[in-house]
Amino acid sequence: MKDIFLLIIAVLMFACSTPADKPTTDSTAAFAVKINPDQLISPGKGIGQLAVGMPADSAIARLGRPDSSDAAMGSALMVWYSKDANKHRTAVFSSMNMGNEAFHRIKRIMVSSPWFKTEAGLGAGAAMAEIEKGYQLTKVEDVSAQQKGLLVYADTEKGISFDIDSVSRICKAITVFSPKDGAGSYINMH
């Protein structure tokens, strides 16, 4: 009886061990993130139902009347707040090609809700260390963001920037814009 018990333990130990020459696989590396199109952050393209370059009226048609707006010198900023206690923001910066078009086009889209994610699963709430793995980031000097305890890092080649909490190093918001266009705007989005 004792020999059978020892044999069972030996078989279990052998079955559960990984040979040294057999590589192990990280199950998270093989996991493909599937993001719903309504919540997808696409650098240089858009976020959810909004796309860089589309008429700004499309944002109103999709999201309803903004909770706040500001306009100056052919540019406009529209902001929507989530209805929950978190008050997450969706902000759209648009501008008009004066003399050539009679309407505003979306130039930048910013979201602070962690519901929106990149294909890699990054969104508000992601650690800076994780964000740095997928992007060539440079620091953007933004006095308004700094006054709110945020640091802005952008990958202008891809068309995406991240507002990072200067203390916790956690992403607070993501902005998408046309590649090589830069992360700034004439109207403060923060």
Protein backbone atom coordinates (compact mmCIF):
# COMPACT_ATOMS: atom_id res chain seq x y z
CA MET A 1 0.00 0.00 0.00
CA LYS A 2 2.83 2.33 0.92
CA ASP A 3 4.62 1.52 -2.37
CA ILE A 4 1.51 2.36 -4.41
CA PHE A 5 1.16 5.67 -2.58
CA LEU A 6 4.82 6.57 -3.29
CA LEU A 7 4.41 5.53 -6.93
CA ILE A 8 1.38 7.81 -7.32
CA ILE A 9 3.26 10.75 -5.80
CA ALA A 10 6.26 10.11 -8.09
CA VAL A 11 4.01 9.95 -11.18
CA LEU A 12 2.27 13.18 -10.19
CA MET A 13 5.55 14.97 -9.57
CA PHE A 14 6.91 13.81 -12.94
CA ALA A 15 3.71 14.80 -14.76
CA CYS A 16 3.62 18.27 -13.19
CA SER A 17 7.27 19.11 -13.77
CA THR A 18 8.55 20.85 -16.89
CA PRO A 19 11.72 19.44 -18.43
CA ALA A 20 14.59 21.94 -18.49
CA ASP A 21 14.96 21.71 -22.27
CA LYS A 22 11.25 22.33 -22.91
CA PRO A 23 10.49 26.08 -23.12
CA THR A 24 7.57 27.35 -21.11
CA THR A 25 5.03 29.68 -22.67
CA ASP A 26 3.52 32.69 -21.03
CA SER A 27 -0.24 32.30 -21.36
CA THR A 28 -0.73 36.09 -21.33
CA ALA A 29 1.55 36.54 -24.33
CA ALA A 30 -0.60 34.19 -26.40
CA PHE A 31 -3.81 35.92 -25.29
CA ALA A 32 -5.18 38.14 -28.04
CA VAL A 33 -7.18 41.11 -26.84
CA LYS A 34 -10.49 41.49 -28.70
CA ILE A 35 -11.84 45.01 -28.35
CA ASN A 36 -15.34 46.03 -29.42
CA PRO A 37 -15.14 48.62 -32.27
CA ASP A 38 -17.19 51.09 -30.17
CA GLN A 39 -14.44 51.16 -27.56
CA LEU A 40 -11.34 50.82 -29.76
CA ILE A 41 -8.61 53.46 -29.59
CA SER A 42 -6.88 53.52 -32.98
CA PRO A 43 -3.77 55.75 -32.94
CA GLY A 44 -3.88 58.32 -35.73
CA LYS A 45 -7.41 57.28 -36.70
CA GLY A 46 -10.02 57.62 -33.99
CA ILE A 47 -11.67 56.42 -30.81
CA GLY A 48 -14.85 54.39 -30.82
CA GLN A 49 -17.43 55.95 -33.12
CA LEU A 50 -15.38 59.10 -33.74
CA ALA A 51 -12.67 59.46 -36.38
CA VAL A 52 -10.03 62.11 -36.94
CA GLY A 53 -11.01 64.09 -40.05
CA MET A 54 -14.76 63.49 -39.87
CA PRO A 55 -17.09 66.51 -39.65
CA ALA A 56 -17.49 67.69 -36.06
CA ASP A 57 -21.28 67.54 -36.45
CA SER A 58 -20.86 63.76 -36.60
CA ALA A 59 -19.72 63.81 -32.97
CA ILE A 60 -22.94 65.57 -31.96
CA ALA A 61 -25.01 63.13 -34.03
CA ARG A 62 -23.35 60.17 -32.28
CA LEU A 63 -22.91 61.50 -28.74
CA GLY A 64 -25.70 64.06 -28.45
CA ARG A 65 -25.39 67.66 -27.39
CA PRO A 66 -22.07 68.30 -25.58
CA ASP A 67 -22.08 69.11 -21.87
CA SER A 68 -19.76 72.04 -22.55
CA SER A 69 -18.19 73.72 -25.56
CA ASP A 70 -15.81 76.52 -26.39
CA ALA A 71 -14.98 78.09 -29.74
CA ALA A 72 -12.34 80.55 -30.88
CA MET A 73 -10.69 81.57 -34.16
CA GLY A 74 -12.13 78.78 -36.32
CA SER A 75 -11.53 76.10 -33.68
CA ALA A 76 -13.91 74.44 -31.25
CA LEU A 77 -13.80 72.13 -28.26
CA MET A 78 -16.76 69.98 -27.28
CA VAL A 79 -16.83 67.94 -24.06
CA TRP A 80 -19.15 65.16 -22.91
CA TYR A 81 -19.13 63.74 -19.36
CA SER A 82 -20.21 60.24 -18.44
CA LYS A 83 -23.42 60.07 -16.45
CA ASP A 84 -21.88 57.91 -13.70
CA ALA A 85 -20.12 59.16 -10.57
CA ASN A 86 -16.70 59.01 -12.28
CA LYS A 87 -17.50 61.85 -14.71
CA HIS A 88 -15.18 60.48 -17.41
CA ARG A 89 -14.59 62.91 -20.27
CA THR A 90 -14.76 62.62 -24.00
CA ALA A 91 -13.39 65.76 -25.63
CA VAL A 92 -13.31 66.60 -29.33
CA PHE A 93 -11.16 69.39 -30.73
CA SER A 94 -12.09 70.52 -34.24
CA SER A 95 -11.09 73.26 -36.61
CA MET A 96 -12.28 74.74 -39.87
CA ASN A 97 -10.22 75.11 -43.04
CA MET A 98 -11.19 78.75 -43.42
CA GLY A 99 -12.09 79.73 -46.98
CA ASN A 100 -12.11 76.12 -48.20
CA GLU A 101 -14.72 74.38 -46.05
CA ALA A 102 -17.81 75.65 -44.28
CA PHE A 103 -17.65 73.10 -41.44
CA HIS A 104 -15.31 71.90 -38.69
CA ARG A 105 -13.33 68.67 -38.94
CA ILE A 106 -12.28 66.63 -35.91
CA LYS A 107 -8.56 67.08 -35.25
CA ARG A 108 -8.17 65.46 -31.81
CA ILE A 109 -10.23 63.09 -29.68
CA MET A 110 -9.52 62.58 -25.97
CA VAL A 111 -11.07 60.04 -23.59
CA SER A 112 -10.52 59.48 -19.87
CA SER A 113 -12.75 56.42 -19.49
CA PRO A 114 -10.94 53.09 -18.99
CA TRP A 115 -13.69 51.49 -21.11
CA PHE A 116 -11.82 52.61 -24.25
CA LYS A 117 -8.78 50.46 -25.12
CA THR A 118 -6.09 50.12 -27.77
CA GLU A 119 -5.71 46.78 -29.57
CA ALA A 120 -3.08 45.92 -26.95
CA GLY A 121 -5.63 46.57 -24.17
CA LEU A 122 -4.17 49.89 -23.00
CA GLY A 123 -6.39 52.69 -21.79
CA ALA A 124 -6.88 55.09 -18.91
CA GLY A 125 -5.64 53.29 -15.82
CA ALA A 126 -2.67 51.67 -17.59
CA ALA A 127 0.76 52.03 -16.04
CA MET A 128 3.32 54.18 -17.84
CA ALA A 129 5.72 51.21 -17.90
CA GLU A 130 3.19 49.22 -19.99
CA ILE A 131 2.51 52.14 -22.34
CA GLU A 132 6.24 52.67 -22.99
CA LYS A 133 6.54 49.10 -24.33
CA GLY A 134 4.42 49.84 -27.40
CA TYR A 135 5.19 53.47 -28.22
CA GLN A 136 8.14 55.78 -28.95
CA LEU A 137 7.16 58.51 -26.50
CA THR A 138 8.48 62.02 -26.14
CA LYS A 139 7.44 64.43 -23.42
CA VAL A 140 5.17 67.28 -24.54
CA GLU A 141 5.47 70.57 -22.67
CA ASP A 142 1.93 71.38 -21.59
CA VAL A 143 1.67 73.96 -18.79
CA SER A 144 -2.07 73.44 -18.33
CA ALA A 145 -1.59 69.68 -17.87
CA GLN A 146 1.32 70.23 -15.48
CA GLN A 147 -0.82 72.52 -13.34
CA LYS A 148 -3.20 69.58 -12.93
CA GLY A 149 -0.39 67.16 -11.98
CA LEU A 150 -0.23 65.55 -15.42
CA LEU A 151 2.65 64.84 -17.76
CA VAL A 152 1.87 64.44 -21.46
CA TYR A 153 3.79 61.92 -23.58
CA ALA A 154 3.16 61.51 -27.31
CA ASP A 155 4.06 59.16 -30.12
CA THR A 156 3.57 61.65 -32.96
CA GLU A 157 4.52 59.06 -35.62
CA LYS A 158 1.50 56.97 -34.58
CA GLY A 159 -0.80 59.86 -33.61
CA ILE A 160 -1.44 59.19 -29.92
CA SER A 161 -0.66 60.88 -26.61
CA PHE A 162 -1.08 59.87 -22.98
CA ASP A 163 -1.84 62.09 -19.98
CA ILE A 164 0.11 60.52 -17.12
CA ASP A 165 -0.36 61.30 -13.42
CA SER A 166 3.01 62.74 -12.34
CA VAL A 167 2.95 60.89 -8.98
CA SER A 168 1.37 57.49 -9.64
CA ARG A 169 2.62 57.21 -13.27
CA ILE A 170 -0.85 55.97 -14.27
CA CYS A 171 -2.57 57.05 -17.49
CA LYS A 172 -5.49 59.40 -16.90
CA ALA A 173 -6.50 60.09 -20.52
CA ILE A 174 -5.58 59.26 -24.10
CA THR A 175 -5.72 61.57 -27.11
CA VAL A 176 -5.68 60.52 -30.77
CA PHE A 177 -4.69 62.85 -33.62
CA SER A 178 -3.37 62.62 -37.18
CA PRO A 179 0.10 61.04 -37.33
CA LYS A 180 2.93 63.60 -37.28
CA ASP A 181 0.38 66.33 -36.46
CA GLY A 182 1.51 66.86 -32.88
CA ALA A 183 -0.33 66.47 -29.60
CA GLY A 184 -1.09 70.14 -28.93
CA SER A 185 -4.12 72.20 -29.86
CA TYR A 186 -5.08 75.87 -29.75
CA ILE A 187 -7.72 75.17 -27.13
CA ASN A 188 -6.80 73.43 -23.87
CA MET A 189 -8.28 69.91 -23.81
CA HIS A 190 -7.39 69.26 -20.17
